[in-house]
Amino acid sequence: MKKLYLILICGWFLYPPMLSHASLIEEKKCASCHRLTKKENEKKGPDLFYAGNKFKSPWLEKYLQNPVTLRKAGTIHNPGFLKGERENNHPSLSKEDAGKITQELMQMTLPDLPVEELPDPLNKGQKAKTKYEFERTFSCISCHQSLNLAGKPRGGISGPSLVDAGNRLQANWVAVWLKNPKTFSEKSRMPVYKMDDETRLRFTRFIMTLKNEGIR
């Protein structure tokens, strides 16, 4: 019996039990604002059950420590949606907690999500053409902000800002989202544009160039 007890004690120190980061998510009450599964009813915060498909982990970890406003008009589930700019009330987490929750969120992915084959990075001419289509043909900036030539944000606020999209979003998620936003959200207000695959993937590459290195 003593030998068994010693084995158990040694095992505890050599191989401590792994604590689930989900317990920290529960402690922080993330589910009160965000859907963690697709079966839940819509909530006021963005869905997190596909966070591992959508976000880049370095950005997510920084965001959780120092939240920035991505949806200045709020979401469709906020009572004040489109009634003026809103402050970001997301709590700031410690570096340790942000790291743990980021690890857990990056494991939340949709099964069988298609993997798109992206083209090579855009050359100068392709980027200029896509920028024109982004701003004029498809009028993306009517809902989303991006940086102008002077480095200042411009555009609509009904959708999330794309100012730092290249640091925030994964390219494959953007490509799938542009093809069919309802893959992720049945109630998405994002229109489904009639883009051929070449245009859609070129747009994805363009969005990946939208970066503001001053954002922390």
Foldseek 3Di string as FASTA:
>chain_A
DVVVVVVVVVCCVVPPDDDALVVVCVVLPVVQAEACDPPDDHGQDYHLLAVLQWWDLVVQLVCLQPPDDFQQQGAPRDPRRPVGGDGDPRDHDDSVNSNSVSVVSSVRRDPPQDFDDADDADDPVLLVVLVCCCCPVVNVQQDEWAADPVRDTGGHRNGTHLQAVLNTTDLRVQLSCQQPVVVPPVPDPDDNDPDDSVSSSSNSSNSNPRRDVVDD
